[in-house]
Amino acid sequence: MARGSLVLSVLIASPSDVGKERDVVAQVIHEWNAVHSRRMGISLEPIRWETHTFPASGARPQEIIDTQIVDDCDFVIGIFGARLGTPTGEAQSGTIEEIERLRKQGKHVSLYFSNAPVPRDTDQQQLQALQVYQEARSKDTLYGTFASVEDLNRQFSRHLPQLVSSVHERLRNSGGIETVEKELVESQALAAQRLVQLALKSGGLTIDGGTFDQHSSQVREPFQVKVEVGKQFPEGPTLRVVGNRDFKLNQIDYLDERDVKLFSNPVDLCGHDLEVPIDSRELTRVWNKTQQGYHVKFRLNILVDGKPILHTHPAFVEQRFKHPTFYMHLLA
């Protein structure tokens, strides 16, 4: 199902000695997307020079990078190990130029410095320059320190939801987000208009909202349905399905995040406010295969006035701790 989403670009800036750390930050961003992007309508795009730049000439190499990827980013994650980086002619290093460029634009800056023991063959000039920069930043920045790649993973996973919330709020307060949201609304309206045109050409079509009438060019007798997760594991999870008038529910299809059907269950329920059981055994079986949270979609096969309607409701299955044992939790 097509959907609109606000995309925030996250610049990952660092010297060359923290490659694994850069990979971890990108991985955490992708994991955040898997869990939160659909529910929040926000997607994060990790921006890295090695994946997002292209060959060009006519300016300093770092200036080209700044123009191609840095200036359009919404916030930056700076990571330092034992090097400050190579001077650019305008700044002490490319990493510093990227960070300070976004800082001057009022963008959010998060810095992480390694406090792990450094190898004996470390370039002492680079290390000393880094220490001077870190000392300078301590006067105007609350930065993080990490002892290992795993430690950075844990910290950044904890910090990222707060960073997203802060950046989103800052964009909204500055008015910068209004233009993006307007474009999303306009594109969705255009898509809806085209859907109506296709429906009229096909002689009428029933989709979630109701039946398109080819004669009136209007939606006839719209049917609306609201779905939310009711009871949770282990009592026996349920969906509460509420319509604005009576309907019949005859089947639930369980889909993965790629809309591939996992399994189906027949249902025979009628009314306008239904408590529908969820197949916890099959959901648990999927969990046992992955041992991690996963997306699932409940596709409801509904009959209204004898006409079929498919309504899909996304959810996320995760593990929660409830004393004294772990249990599964459905997040709508």
Protein backbone atom coordinates (compact mmCIF):
# COMPACT_ATOMS: atom_id res chain seq x y z
CA MET A 1 0.00 0.00 0.00
CA ALA A 2 1.44 3.39 -1.00
CA ARG A 3 1.97 5.86 1.84
CA GLY A 4 3.56 9.26 2.41
CA SER A 5 6.52 9.64 4.73
CA LEU A 6 8.71 12.50 5.93
CA VAL A 7 12.36 11.66 5.17
CA LEU A 8 15.06 13.08 7.46
CA SER A 9 18.63 12.89 6.15
CA VAL A 10 21.23 11.89 8.75
CA LEU A 11 24.85 12.69 7.89
CA ILE A 12 27.36 10.23 9.35
CA ALA A 13 30.62 12.22 9.60
CA SER A 14 33.95 10.77 10.77
CA PRO A 15 37.63 10.34 9.92
CA SER A 16 38.73 7.11 8.26
CA ASP A 17 39.76 5.19 11.39
CA VAL A 18 36.22 4.44 12.64
CA GLY A 19 34.76 2.45 9.77
CA LYS A 20 33.07 -0.13 12.00
CA GLU A 21 31.54 2.60 14.10
CA ARG A 22 30.10 4.25 10.97
CA ASP A 23 28.55 0.92 9.97
CA VAL A 24 26.99 0.52 13.42
CA VAL A 25 25.38 3.96 13.30
CA ALA A 26 23.90 3.21 9.87
CA GLN A 27 22.65 -0.16 11.15
CA VAL A 28 20.92 1.44 14.13
CA ILE A 29 19.23 3.94 11.79
CA HIS A 30 17.91 1.12 9.60
CA GLU A 31 16.63 -0.71 12.69
CA TRP A 32 14.84 2.45 13.83
CA ASN A 33 13.14 2.65 10.43
CA ALA A 34 11.99 -0.97 10.66
CA VAL A 35 10.32 -0.38 14.03
CA HIS A 36 9.10 3.23 13.92
CA SER A 37 8.89 4.68 10.40
CA ARG A 38 5.49 3.27 9.40
CA ARG A 39 3.84 4.23 12.70
CA MET A 40 5.38 7.72 12.91
CA GLY A 41 5.35 8.61 9.22
CA ILE A 42 9.06 9.47 9.44
CA SER A 43 11.93 7.70 7.69
CA LEU A 44 15.63 8.26 8.33
CA GLU A 45 18.15 8.16 5.48
CA PRO A 46 21.77 7.59 6.56
CA ILE A 47 24.00 9.76 4.35
CA ARG A 48 27.64 8.73 3.85
CA TRP A 49 30.19 10.15 1.43
CA GLU A 50 31.11 6.67 0.20
CA THR A 51 27.52 5.88 -0.86
CA HIS A 52 26.00 9.26 -1.75
CA THR A 53 28.69 11.27 -3.56
CA PHE A 54 29.66 11.08 -7.22
CA PRO A 55 32.77 12.22 -9.17
CA ALA A 56 32.84 15.95 -10.01
CA SER A 57 35.36 18.77 -10.46
CA GLY A 58 35.60 22.55 -10.29
CA ALA A 59 36.09 23.06 -6.55
CA ARG A 60 37.86 21.71 -3.49
CA PRO A 61 36.99 18.00 -2.99
CA GLN A 62 35.46 18.73 0.41
CA GLU A 63 33.49 21.65 -1.04
CA ILE A 64 32.06 19.30 -3.66
CA ILE A 65 31.07 16.85 -0.91
CA ASP A 66 29.49 19.70 1.07
CA THR A 67 27.40 20.74 -1.92
CA GLN A 68 26.39 17.21 -2.93
CA ILE A 69 25.37 15.76 0.44
CA VAL A 70 26.14 17.87 3.51
CA ASP A 71 24.02 20.98 3.05
CA ASP A 72 20.74 19.10 2.59
CA CYS A 73 21.11 16.95 5.71
CA ASP A 74 18.81 17.55 8.67
CA PHE A 75 21.28 16.53 11.40
CA VAL A 76 24.74 15.05 11.77
CA ILE A 77 26.27 12.25 13.82
CA GLY A 78 30.01 12.88 14.28
CA ILE A 79 32.22 9.97 15.39
CA PHE A 80 35.87 10.19 16.42
CA GLY A 81 38.38 7.47 17.30
CA ALA A 82 42.05 8.43 17.44
CA ARG A 83 42.27 10.76 14.41
CA LEU A 84 40.96 14.24 13.64
CA GLY A 85 41.28 13.80 9.87
CA THR A 86 42.95 15.47 6.91
CA PRO A 87 42.94 19.30 6.58
CA THR A 88 40.77 20.68 3.77
CA GLY A 89 42.22 24.16 3.35
CA GLU A 90 39.21 25.62 5.14
CA ALA A 91 39.07 23.46 8.27
CA GLN A 92 41.22 21.11 10.35
CA SER A 93 39.62 18.14 8.61
CA GLY A 94 36.78 17.19 6.28
CA THR A 95 34.82 15.87 9.24
CA ILE A 96 35.22 19.15 11.14
CA GLU A 97 34.17 21.15 8.07
CA GLU A 98 31.00 19.06 7.68
CA ILE A 99 30.08 19.33 11.36
CA GLU A 100 30.71 23.06 11.62
CA ARG A 101 28.93 23.74 8.33
CA LEU A 102 25.74 22.16 9.64
CA ARG A 103 26.18 23.70 13.09
CA LYS A 104 26.25 27.19 11.48
CA GLN A 105 23.02 26.34 9.65
CA GLY A 106 21.37 25.63 13.00
CA LYS A 107 21.20 21.87 12.38
CA HIS A 108 21.39 19.38 15.25
CA VAL A 109 24.89 18.02 15.96
CA SER A 110 25.59 14.87 18.02
CA LEU A 111 29.24 13.99 18.69
CA TYR A 112 30.71 10.74 19.99
CA PHE A 113 34.37 10.36 21.04
CA SER A 114 36.11 7.06 21.69
CA ASN A 115 37.76 6.67 25.10
CA ALA A 116 39.14 3.21 24.32
CA PRO A 117 42.92 2.58 24.67
CA VAL A 118 44.70 3.67 21.48
CA PRO A 119 47.12 1.40 19.55
CA ARG A 120 50.84 1.98 20.06
CA ASP A 121 51.31 2.95 16.40
CA THR A 122 48.71 5.74 16.58
CA ASP A 123 49.70 8.99 14.86
CA GLN A 124 50.43 11.17 17.88
CA GLN A 125 49.95 14.43 15.99
CA GLN A 126 46.49 13.32 14.93
CA LEU A 127 45.67 12.16 18.45
CA GLN A 128 46.84 15.43 19.98
CA ALA A 129 44.83 17.48 17.47
CA LEU A 130 41.75 15.40 18.29
CA GLN A 131 42.25 15.94 22.00
CA VAL A 132 42.47 19.71 21.48
CA TYR A 133 39.25 19.66 19.43
CA GLN A 134 37.47 17.54 22.03
CA GLU A 135 38.55 19.92 24.78
CA ALA A 136 37.26 22.88 22.76
CA ARG A 137 33.90 21.18 22.19
CA SER A 138 33.52 20.45 25.90
CA LYS A 139 32.86 24.18 26.39
CA ASP A 140 29.80 24.32 24.11
CA THR A 141 28.72 20.72 23.49
CA LEU A 142 27.32 17.81 25.48
CA TYR A 143 29.00 14.91 23.69
CA GLY A 144 29.05 11.16 24.23
CA THR A 145 31.99 8.83 24.79
CA PHE A 146 32.16 5.14 23.97
CA ALA A 147 34.53 2.33 24.93
CA SER A 148 33.87 -0.03 22.02
CA VAL A 149 31.78 -0.54 18.90
CA GLU A 150 29.24 -2.47 20.99
CA ASP A 151 29.08 0.37 23.51
CA LEU A 152 28.42 2.89 20.72
CA ASN A 153 25.68 0.62 19.39
CA ARG A 154 23.94 0.52 22.77
CA GLN A 155 24.24 4.26 23.36
CA PHE A 156 23.16 5.40 19.91
CA SER A 157 20.20 2.98 19.92
CA ARG A 158 19.06 4.65 23.13
CA HIS A 159 19.70 8.19 21.93
CA LEU A 160 18.26 8.00 18.40
CA PRO A 161 14.52 8.15 19.30
CA GLN A 162 15.19 11.31 21.34
CA LEU A 163 17.25 12.80 18.50
CA VAL A 164 14.47 12.19 15.98
CA SER A 165 11.90 13.74 18.28
CA SER A 166 14.10 16.78 18.90
CA VAL A 167 14.92 17.34 15.21
CA HIS A 168 11.28 16.87 14.18
CA GLU A 169 10.12 19.37 16.80
CA ARG A 170 12.77 21.88 15.75
CA LEU A 171 11.74 21.61 12.09
CA ARG A 172 8.10 22.07 12.99
CA ASN A 173 8.78 25.11 15.16
CA SER A 174 10.89 26.72 12.44
CA GLY A 175 8.23 26.14 9.81
CA GLY A 176 10.60 24.05 7.72
CA ILE A 177 8.38 21.01 7.87
CA GLU A 178 5.22 22.72 6.59
CA THR A 179 6.37 22.77 2.97
CA VAL A 180 7.22 19.06 3.05
CA GLU A 181 3.89 18.14 4.61
CA LYS A 182 2.03 20.27 2.04
CA GLU A 183 3.81 18.40 -0.76
CA LEU A 184 2.84 15.09 0.82
CA VAL A 185 -0.82 16.10 1.07
CA GLU A 186 -0.87 17.34 -2.53
CA SER A 187 0.73 14.13 -3.83
CA GLN A 188 -1.74 11.98 -1.89
CA ALA A 189 -4.65 14.05 -3.23
CA LEU A 190 -3.37 13.58 -6.78
CA ALA A 191 -3.08 9.83 -6.21
CA ALA A 192 -6.65 9.72 -4.89
CA GLN A 193 -7.90 11.65 -7.93
CA ARG A 194 -6.22 9.21 -10.29
CA LEU A 195 -7.70 6.29 -8.38
CA VAL A 196 -11.19 7.73 -8.89
CA GLN A 197 -10.51 8.10 -12.61
CA LEU A 198 -9.37 4.49 -12.85
CA ALA A 199 -12.41 3.36 -10.89
CA LEU A 200 -14.76 5.20 -13.23
CA LYS A 201 -13.14 3.64 -16.27
CA SER A 202 -13.52 0.17 -14.76
CA GLY A 203 -17.21 0.69 -13.99
CA GLY A 204 -16.89 1.07 -10.22
CA LEU A 205 -14.41 -0.19 -7.65
CA THR A 206 -14.63 -0.98 -3.93
CA ILE A 207 -11.59 -0.10 -1.81
CA ASP A 208 -11.45 0.50 1.97
CA GLY A 209 -13.45 3.75 1.80
CA GLY A 210 -16.47 2.62 -0.22
CA THR A 211 -17.80 2.17 -3.76
CA PHE A 212 -16.97 4.55 -6.59
CA ASP A 213 -20.04 5.15 -8.75
CA GLN A 214 -19.25 5.63 -12.43
CA HIS A 215 -22.46 7.61 -12.98
CA SER A 216 -22.20 10.09 -10.13
CA SER A 217 -18.38 10.26 -9.92
CA GLN A 218 -18.81 10.22 -6.16
CA VAL A 219 -18.20 7.71 -3.39
CA ARG A 220 -21.52 5.94 -2.73
CA GLU A 221 -22.40 4.71 0.76
CA PRO A 222 -18.88 4.98 2.17
CA PHE A 223 -17.96 2.31 4.67
CA GLN A 224 -15.42 3.26 7.32
CA VAL A 225 -13.71 0.88 9.70
CA LYS A 226 -11.37 1.43 12.63
CA VAL A 227 -9.01 -1.30 13.81
CA GLU A 228 -6.92 -1.40 16.97
CA VAL A 229 -5.12 -4.07 18.97
CA GLY A 230 -7.26 -5.22 21.89
CA LYS A 231 -6.06 -7.82 24.33
CA GLN A 232 -2.38 -8.75 24.38
CA PHE A 233 -0.29 -11.87 24.91
CA PRO A 234 -0.49 -14.24 26.71
CA GLU A 235 -4.24 -13.92 27.47
CA GLY A 236 -5.14 -14.34 23.82
CA PRO A 237 -4.51 -11.31 21.60
CA THR A 238 -7.43 -9.74 19.74
CA LEU A 239 -8.25 -7.05 17.24
CA ARG A 240 -11.15 -4.73 17.87
CA VAL A 241 -12.79 -3.93 14.51
CA VAL A 242 -15.40 -1.16 14.55
CA GLY A 243 -17.39 -0.12 11.48
CA ASN A 244 -19.78 2.76 10.95
CA ARG A 245 -22.43 0.14 10.08
CA ASP A 246 -22.86 -3.62 10.12
CA PHE A 247 -20.48 -5.76 8.13
CA LYS A 248 -19.37 -9.37 7.89
CA LEU A 249 -15.78 -10.50 8.50
CA ASN A 250 -15.02 -13.83 6.85
CA GLN A 251 -11.21 -14.13 6.81
CA ILE A 252 -7.99 -12.64 8.18
CA ASP A 253 -4.80 -12.86 6.14
CA TYR A 254 -1.51 -12.43 7.98
CA LEU A 255 1.10 -10.67 5.80
CA ASP A 256 4.75 -9.81 6.32
CA GLU A 257 6.20 -6.32 5.70
CA ARG A 258 6.55 -7.14 1.97
CA ASP A 259 2.84 -8.06 1.78
CA VAL A 260 3.68 -11.76 1.40
CA LYS A 261 0.99 -13.92 2.97
CA LEU A 262 2.22 -15.85 6.01
CA PHE A 263 -1.03 -17.69 6.74
CA SER A 264 -4.82 -17.15 6.82
CA ASN A 265 -7.62 -17.88 9.26
CA PRO A 266 -11.31 -18.14 8.37
CA VAL A 267 -13.65 -16.01 10.48
CA ASP A 268 -17.46 -15.88 10.67
CA LEU A 269 -18.41 -12.71 12.53
CA CYS A 270 -21.10 -10.11 11.86
CA GLY A 271 -21.92 -6.75 13.43
CA HIS A 272 -20.43 -3.27 13.67
CA ASP A 273 -18.18 -3.74 16.76
CA LEU A 274 -16.25 -7.02 16.70
CA GLU A 275 -13.64 -8.54 19.00
CA VAL A 276 -11.60 -10.72 16.65
CA PRO A 277 -9.19 -13.38 17.95
CA ILE A 278 -5.61 -13.31 16.65
CA ASP A 279 -3.77 -16.56 15.94
CA SER A 280 -1.12 -16.28 18.66
CA ARG A 281 0.25 -19.76 17.93
CA GLU A 282 1.22 -18.85 14.38
CA LEU A 283 2.60 -15.46 15.42
CA THR A 284 4.72 -17.21 18.04
CA ARG A 285 5.94 -19.66 15.41
CA VAL A 286 7.15 -16.74 13.26
CA TRP A 287 8.81 -15.22 16.34
CA ASN A 288 10.61 -18.49 17.12
CA LYS A 289 12.13 -18.47 13.64
CA THR A 290 13.55 -14.94 13.88
CA GLN A 291 13.95 -14.38 17.64
CA GLN A 292 13.41 -10.68 17.05
CA GLY A 293 10.60 -8.19 16.56
CA TYR A 294 8.88 -8.21 13.18
CA HIS A 295 6.21 -6.38 11.19
CA VAL A 296 2.90 -8.07 10.49
CA LYS A 297 -0.18 -6.86 8.63
CA PHE A 298 -3.71 -8.07 9.31
CA ARG A 299 -5.68 -8.02 6.06
CA LEU A 300 -9.38 -8.18 6.84
CA ASN A 301 -11.69 -9.72 4.24
CA ILE A 302 -14.94 -7.82 4.79
CA LEU A 303 -18.35 -8.00 3.14
CA VAL A 304 -20.53 -4.87 3.12
CA ASP A 305 -23.88 -5.10 1.32
CA GLY A 306 -22.57 -8.21 -0.37
CA LYS A 307 -19.51 -6.42 -1.77
CA PRO A 308 -15.96 -7.42 -0.75
CA ILE A 309 -13.61 -4.90 0.86
CA LEU A 310 -10.00 -5.52 1.87
CA HIS A 311 -8.77 -3.48 4.84
CA THR A 312 -5.15 -3.83 5.97
CA HIS A 313 -3.96 -2.92 9.46
CA PRO A 314 -0.18 -2.89 10.20
CA ALA A 315 1.30 -3.87 13.56
CA PHE A 316 4.65 -4.80 15.06
CA VAL A 317 5.29 -7.87 17.21
CA GLU A 318 7.97 -7.35 19.84
CA GLN A 319 9.14 -8.91 23.11
CA ARG A 320 8.41 -7.20 26.41
CA PHE A 321 9.39 -8.07 29.96
CA LYS A 322 6.53 -8.59 32.38
CA HIS A 323 7.63 -9.95 35.73
CA PRO A 324 8.59 -12.75 36.05
CA THR A 325 8.81 -13.73 32.36
CA PHE A 326 9.07 -12.28 28.89
CA TYR A 327 5.93 -12.05 26.81
CA MET A 328 5.04 -10.90 23.31
CA HIS A 329 3.47 -7.52 22.64
CA LEU A 330 1.58 -6.22 19.60
CA LEU A 331 2.28 -2.59 18.79
CA ALA A 332 -0.30 -1.09 16.41
